[in-house]
Protein backbone atom coordinates (compact mmCIF):
# COMPACT_ATOMS: atom_id res chain seq x y z
CA UNK A 1 42.64 1.55 -12.38
CA UNK A 2 39.74 2.97 -14.41
CA UNK A 3 38.19 -0.49 -14.52
CA UNK A 4 38.40 -0.77 -10.72
CA UNK A 5 36.82 2.67 -10.24
CA UNK A 6 33.97 1.87 -12.60
CA UNK A 7 33.18 -1.39 -10.78
CA UNK A 8 33.30 0.39 -7.43
CA UNK A 9 30.98 3.12 -8.71
CA UNK A 10 28.59 0.49 -10.04
CA UNK A 11 28.22 -1.26 -6.70
CA UNK A 12 28.07 2.00 -4.75
CA UNK A 13 25.26 3.10 -7.06
CA UNK A 14 23.28 -0.01 -6.14
CA UNK A 15 23.87 0.59 -2.42
CA UNK A 16 22.81 4.24 -2.62
CA UNK A 17 19.73 3.30 -4.62
CA UNK A 18 18.68 0.76 -2.00
CA UNK A 19 19.34 3.12 0.91
CA UNK A 20 17.42 5.99 -0.66
CA UNK A 21 14.22 3.99 -1.00
CA UNK A 22 11.69 4.55 1.75
CA UNK A 23 9.46 1.71 2.89
CA UNK A 24 6.82 2.74 5.47
CA UNK A 25 6.47 -0.76 6.93
CA UNK A 26 10.14 -0.74 7.97
CA UNK A 27 9.87 2.50 9.95
CA UNK A 28 8.52 3.31 13.40
CA UNK A 29 5.73 5.89 13.30
CA UNK A 30 3.97 7.84 16.03
CA UNK A 31 0.47 6.48 16.37
CA UNK A 32 -2.26 4.84 18.35
CA UNK A 33 -3.65 1.31 18.38
CA UNK A 34 -7.13 0.16 19.36
CA UNK A 35 -7.53 -3.51 20.28
CA UNK A 36 -10.64 -5.65 19.89
CA UNK A 37 -11.02 -5.44 23.67
CA UNK A 38 -11.46 -1.68 23.36
CA UNK A 39 -8.10 -0.90 24.95
CA UNK A 40 -6.28 2.03 23.34
CA UNK A 41 -2.49 2.22 23.22
CA UNK A 42 -0.29 5.08 22.06
CA UNK A 43 3.36 5.03 21.05
CA UNK A 44 5.73 4.21 18.24
CA UNK A 45 4.11 1.78 15.80
CA UNK A 46 5.47 -0.47 13.06
CA UNK A 47 3.28 -2.69 10.91
CA UNK A 48 3.87 -5.81 8.83
CA UNK A 49 1.38 -6.68 6.08
CA UNK A 50 3.08 -9.96 5.19
CA UNK A 51 2.55 -11.36 8.68
CA UNK A 52 -0.49 -9.18 9.50
CA UNK A 53 1.16 -7.98 12.68
CA UNK A 54 1.53 -4.64 14.44
CA UNK A 55 4.28 -3.78 16.91
CA UNK A 56 4.03 -0.93 19.37
CA UNK A 57 6.80 0.45 21.58
CA UNK A 58 5.42 1.20 25.03
CA UNK A 59 8.00 2.67 27.42
CA UNK A 60 10.83 0.89 25.57
CA UNK A 61 8.94 -2.39 25.65
CA UNK A 62 7.84 -3.75 22.29
CA UNK A 63 4.50 -5.53 22.20
CA UNK A 64 3.26 -7.45 19.15
CA UNK A 65 -0.37 -7.95 18.16
CA UNK A 66 -1.83 -10.07 15.39
CA UNK A 67 -4.68 -8.86 13.20
CA UNK A 68 -7.04 -11.07 15.23
CA UNK A 69 -6.55 -8.80 18.24
CA UNK A 70 -6.62 -5.46 16.39
CA UNK A 71 -9.60 -3.29 15.59
CA UNK A 72 -7.89 -0.18 14.24
CA UNK A 73 -4.63 1.73 14.22
CA UNK A 74 -3.51 5.11 12.99
CA UNK A 75 -0.03 6.46 12.31
CA UNK A 76 1.48 9.77 11.32
CA UNK A 77 3.73 9.13 8.33
CA UNK A 78 6.39 11.84 8.35
CA UNK A 79 7.54 11.00 4.85
CA UNK A 80 4.19 11.96 3.30
CA UNK A 81 3.24 14.32 6.16
CA UNK A 82 -0.21 12.92 6.82
CA UNK A 83 -2.14 10.51 9.03
CA UNK A 84 -2.85 7.03 7.69
CA UNK A 85 -5.57 4.72 9.01
CA UNK A 86 -5.71 0.92 9.03
CA UNK A 87 -8.31 -1.67 10.00
CA UNK A 88 -8.18 -5.40 10.61
CA UNK A 89 -11.00 -6.78 8.46
CA UNK A 90 -12.22 -10.34 7.77
CA UNK A 91 -11.19 -11.44 4.29
CA UNK A 92 -12.06 -14.58 2.32
CA UNK A 93 -8.73 -16.30 1.77
CA UNK A 94 -10.65 -19.23 0.31
CA UNK A 95 -14.35 -20.11 -0.03
CA UNK A 96 -16.14 -20.17 3.32
CA UNK A 97 -12.99 -19.29 5.25
CA UNK A 98 -12.27 -15.76 6.42
CA UNK A 99 -9.36 -14.47 8.47
CA UNK A 100 -8.63 -10.96 9.78
CA UNK A 101 -6.12 -9.08 7.62
CA UNK A 102 -4.71 -5.56 7.78
CA UNK A 103 -5.90 -3.00 5.24
CA UNK A 104 -5.15 0.68 4.82
CA UNK A 105 -8.19 2.87 4.17
CA UNK A 106 -7.43 5.17 1.23
CA UNK A 107 -10.95 6.53 0.82
CA UNK A 108 -13.97 5.76 3.00
CA UNK A 109 -17.57 6.17 1.87
CA UNK A 110 -20.42 4.07 0.47
CA UNK A 111 -17.78 2.29 -1.61
CA UNK A 112 -14.46 2.26 0.25
CA UNK A 113 -11.02 1.91 -1.31
CA UNK A 114 -8.52 -0.25 0.60
CA UNK A 115 -4.94 -1.27 -0.03
CA UNK A 116 -2.20 -3.58 1.16
CA UNK A 117 1.42 -2.83 0.42
CA UNK A 118 4.43 -5.06 -0.14
CA UNK A 119 8.10 -4.66 -1.00
CA UNK A 120 8.97 -6.40 -4.26
CA UNK A 121 12.37 -7.12 -5.74
CA UNK A 122 13.13 -6.53 -9.41
CA UNK A 123 16.18 -6.65 -11.66
CA UNK A 124 16.69 -3.73 -14.01
CA UNK A 125 19.36 -2.97 -16.65
CA UNK A 126 21.99 -0.33 -15.97
CA UNK A 127 22.42 2.10 -18.85
CA UNK A 128 24.95 4.76 -19.75
CA UNK A 129 28.51 4.50 -18.49
CA UNK A 130 28.20 0.86 -17.40
CA UNK A 131 27.09 -0.36 -20.82
CA UNK A 132 30.71 0.02 -22.02
CA UNK A 133 31.52 -3.13 -20.05
CA UNK A 134 28.58 -5.11 -21.37
CA UNK A 135 25.13 -5.64 -19.93
CA UNK A 136 24.90 -4.67 -16.27
CA UNK A 137 21.92 -5.28 -14.04
CA UNK A 138 20.98 -3.93 -10.65
CA UNK A 139 18.63 -5.35 -8.07
CA UNK A 140 16.29 -2.84 -6.57
CA UNK A 141 13.28 -2.89 -4.29
CA UNK A 142 10.08 -0.94 -4.75
CA UNK A 143 6.81 -0.50 -2.94
CA UNK A 144 3.87 -2.27 -4.62
CA UNK A 145 0.18 -2.08 -3.79
CA UNK A 146 -2.78 -4.42 -4.02
CA UNK A 147 -6.15 -2.70 -4.05
CA UNK A 148 -9.57 -3.73 -2.81
CA UNK A 149 -13.05 -2.27 -2.68
CA UNK A 150 -15.28 -2.63 0.38
CA UNK A 151 -19.00 -2.34 -0.33
CA UNK A 152 -21.90 -1.65 2.03
CA UNK A 153 -22.57 -5.36 2.48
CA UNK A 154 -19.12 -5.77 4.04
CA UNK A 155 -17.72 -7.64 1.05
CA UNK A 156 -14.06 -6.98 0.26
CA UNK A 157 -13.51 -7.26 -3.49
CA UNK A 158 -9.95 -7.63 -4.86
CA UNK A 159 -9.18 -5.29 -7.73
CA UNK A 160 -6.82 -6.39 -10.53
CA UNK A 161 -5.92 -2.81 -11.56
CA UNK A 162 -7.41 -3.38 -15.02
CA UNK A 163 -10.00 -1.24 -16.76
CA UNK A 164 -12.66 -3.91 -17.26
CA UNK A 165 -12.39 -5.06 -13.66
CA UNK A 166 -12.81 -1.51 -12.38
CA UNK A 167 -16.08 -1.00 -14.26
CA UNK A 168 -17.34 -4.43 -13.21
CA UNK A 169 -16.89 -3.41 -9.57
CA UNK A 170 -17.93 0.23 -9.93
CA UNK A 171 -20.81 -0.69 -12.18
CA UNK A 172 -23.42 1.96 -11.43
CA UNK A 173 -23.54 4.93 -13.80
CA UNK A 174 -20.59 3.49 -15.71
CA UNK A 175 -20.83 5.99 -18.56
CA UNK A 176 -20.42 9.00 -16.27
CA UNK A 177 -17.51 7.40 -14.46
CA UNK A 178 -15.78 6.42 -17.69
CA UNK A 179 -16.18 9.95 -19.03
CA UNK A 180 -14.67 11.40 -15.83
CA UNK A 181 -11.68 9.06 -16.02
CA UNK A 182 -11.07 9.89 -19.67
CA UNK A 183 -11.43 13.66 -19.30
CA UNK A 184 -9.02 13.75 -16.35
CA UNK A 185 -6.59 11.27 -17.93
CA UNK A 186 -6.67 9.04 -14.86
CA UNK A 187 -4.86 5.70 -14.70
CA UNK A 188 -6.56 2.51 -13.50
CA UNK A 189 -3.48 1.38 -11.55
CA UNK A 190 -2.15 4.65 -10.13
CA UNK A 191 -2.51 5.17 -6.39
CA UNK A 192 -3.70 8.79 -6.32
CA UNK A 193 -5.88 8.35 -9.41
CA UNK A 194 -7.74 5.45 -7.83
CA UNK A 195 -8.56 7.65 -4.86
CA UNK A 196 -9.99 10.29 -7.22
CA UNK A 197 -11.95 7.67 -9.16
CA UNK A 198 -13.43 6.23 -5.97
CA UNK A 199 -14.33 9.68 -4.65
CA UNK A 200 -16.11 10.58 -7.88
CA UNK A 201 -17.93 7.24 -7.98
CA UNK A 202 -19.22 7.85 -4.47
CA UNK A 203 -20.45 11.30 -5.52
CA UNK A 204 -22.49 9.55 -8.23
CA UNK A 205 -23.86 7.02 -5.75
CA UNK A 206 -24.79 9.68 -3.20
CA UNK A 207 -26.21 12.28 -5.59
């Protein structure tokens, strides 16, 4: 009986873990959408980075638009209690070939920080009570981000989330930026820290 209960608890733990995770791209948000034609639409919005599509619910009718037809959209994300802004921007998927893709604007200035999110699956060990029965593993999903910098020339530069790459991209006044990062103990791959780094770099550029 104890063995049965432990197995049941194990699988329920996986279910609860999956249900508790919040993925913005799977949720409808209040927002507005501006098309390349200039038309503005307001309603419930859901976006899909993998397919570069946006859906909007207009009077219980769902309309779908590809990034080629989108200029801009904005949503209010109730989970984080703030507005989030997205643009469809041309990106080099291979040399001499650009296609419109969706990007979230995290910080906009002379050097702009962009991101694209995805849901990734990973297998992690279960510790504690379950280890009595041998190695146990759970599958979980988490939100991952790819980051990009947009410069004044309109070039979108992918960022690998590594220190050397950051200073290659944000190359002006490197010593001051590196000192700021070190003094504030900022991480090169942490979402909120990258926003702070980009904001400070722009203050150096604009000073």
